[in-house]
Amino acid sequence: MLRPLHLHQAQEDRHPQQEAQRAEYIVEKARSEKKATIVEAQGVAKSAELIGKSIRNNPGFVELRRIEAAKEVAASVARGNGKAYLDSEGLMLKVTDGGKRA
């Protein structure tokens, strides 16, 4: 059995090593988060590029996105138990002019 003095010294020896391991873990975690942020940003940029090309090449793409957004809102409202107040202009639906856009 270790005497109290030896036990205390053994614990002190482990402390710097544990701190070094903890610091190493924190650095590795930060690197991993940085890589994930870069990959996510690249994905968002590629998505924006593809959407831009789709809009230029196919004017119906915007109408398709409006319909998809309306479906998502309808599904969300159907699942909810409470009331929902929706602004058709903010949802790009333009209900007041019969769906016609200028």
Protein backbone atom coordinates (compact mmCIF):
# COMPACT_ATOMS: atom_id res chain seq x y z
CA MET A 1 0.00 0.00 0.00
CA LEU A 2 1.22 3.48 -0.86
CA ARG A 3 1.82 5.87 1.92
CA PRO A 4 -0.11 9.16 1.72
CA LEU A 5 2.99 11.08 0.60
CA HIS A 6 3.67 8.66 -2.27
CA LEU A 7 0.01 8.62 -3.26
CA HIS A 8 -0.06 12.41 -3.41
CA GLN A 9 3.14 12.46 -5.50
CA ALA A 10 1.72 9.86 -7.91
CA GLN A 11 -1.42 11.94 -8.36
CA GLU A 12 0.65 15.06 -9.03
CA ASP A 13 2.65 13.19 -11.68
CA ARG A 14 -0.52 12.19 -13.51
CA HIS A 15 -2.02 15.68 -13.46
CA PRO A 16 0.32 17.31 -16.06
CA GLN A 17 -0.04 14.29 -18.33
CA GLN A 18 -3.83 14.46 -18.11
CA GLU A 19 -3.75 18.20 -18.82
CA ALA A 20 -1.57 17.59 -21.88
CA GLN A 21 -3.96 14.92 -23.14
CA ARG A 22 -6.90 17.23 -22.55
CA ALA A 23 -5.19 20.06 -24.45
CA GLU A 24 -4.40 17.66 -27.31
CA TYR A 25 -8.05 16.59 -27.41
CA ILE A 26 -9.25 20.21 -27.50
CA VAL A 27 -6.88 21.05 -30.37
CA GLU A 28 -7.95 17.97 -32.34
CA LYS A 29 -11.61 18.80 -31.74
CA ALA A 30 -11.05 22.36 -33.00
CA ARG A 31 -9.32 21.02 -36.13
CA SER A 32 -12.19 18.64 -36.76
CA GLU A 33 -14.76 21.42 -36.33
CA LYS A 34 -12.76 23.63 -38.71
CA LYS A 35 -12.75 20.89 -41.37
CA ALA A 36 -16.49 20.34 -40.91
CA THR A 37 -17.16 24.07 -41.30
CA ILE A 38 -15.10 24.20 -44.50
CA VAL A 39 -16.87 21.18 -45.98
CA GLU A 40 -20.26 22.64 -45.06
CA ALA A 41 -19.37 26.00 -46.64
CA GLN A 42 -18.22 24.27 -49.82
CA GLY A 43 -21.50 22.36 -49.94
CA VAL A 44 -23.54 25.53 -49.49
CA ALA A 45 -21.54 27.27 -52.23
CA LYS A 46 -22.03 24.36 -54.62
CA SER A 47 -25.74 24.27 -53.83
CA ALA A 48 -26.08 28.00 -54.52
CA GLU A 49 -24.21 27.56 -57.80
CA LEU A 50 -26.48 24.70 -58.89
CA ILE A 51 -29.63 26.59 -57.93
CA GLY A 52 -28.41 29.63 -59.88
CA LYS A 53 -27.80 27.50 -62.97
CA SER A 54 -31.21 25.87 -62.59
CA ILE A 55 -32.95 29.24 -62.40
CA ARG A 56 -31.12 30.53 -65.47
CA ASN A 57 -31.74 27.38 -67.52
CA ASN A 58 -35.30 26.63 -66.41
CA PRO A 59 -37.69 29.43 -65.37
CA GLY A 60 -40.10 26.79 -64.04
CA PHE A 61 -37.57 25.92 -61.34
CA VAL A 62 -38.66 28.91 -59.22
CA GLU A 63 -42.29 27.85 -59.50
CA LEU A 64 -41.30 24.31 -58.47
CA ARG A 65 -39.51 25.70 -55.41
CA ARG A 66 -42.61 27.74 -54.50
CA ILE A 67 -44.77 24.63 -54.69
CA GLU A 68 -42.28 22.66 -52.57
CA ALA A 69 -42.21 25.45 -49.96
CA ALA A 70 -46.02 25.52 -49.86
CA LYS A 71 -46.11 21.74 -49.36
CA GLU A 72 -43.64 21.97 -46.48
CA VAL A 73 -45.66 24.72 -44.81
CA ALA A 74 -48.90 22.78 -45.27
CA ALA A 75 -47.34 19.65 -43.75
CA SER A 76 -45.99 21.67 -40.83
CA VAL A 77 -49.37 23.28 -40.17
CA ALA A 78 -51.12 19.91 -40.43
CA ARG A 79 -48.80 18.42 -37.79
CA GLY A 80 -49.17 21.35 -35.40
CA ASN A 81 -51.85 21.48 -32.74
CA GLY A 82 -51.85 25.24 -32.37
CA LYS A 83 -52.67 28.08 -34.68
CA ALA A 84 -50.33 29.28 -37.40
CA TYR A 85 -50.32 32.70 -39.01
CA LEU A 86 -48.66 32.75 -42.39
CA ASP A 87 -47.81 35.67 -44.65
CA SER A 88 -48.36 34.60 -48.26
CA GLU A 89 -46.02 37.31 -49.54
CA GLY A 90 -43.20 36.05 -47.32
CA LEU A 91 -43.84 32.52 -48.56
CA MET A 92 -43.62 33.70 -52.19
CA LEU A 93 -47.16 32.47 -52.90
CA LYS A 94 -48.79 35.79 -53.94
CA VAL A 95 -52.30 34.48 -53.39
CA THR A 96 -53.97 37.85 -53.89
CA ASP A 97 -53.21 38.18 -57.60
CA GLY A 98 -54.37 34.71 -58.57
CA GLY A 99 -50.86 33.29 -58.56
CA LYS A 100 -49.77 35.43 -61.53
CA ARG A 101 -46.41 37.12 -61.23
CA ALA A 102 -45.34 40.21 -63.10
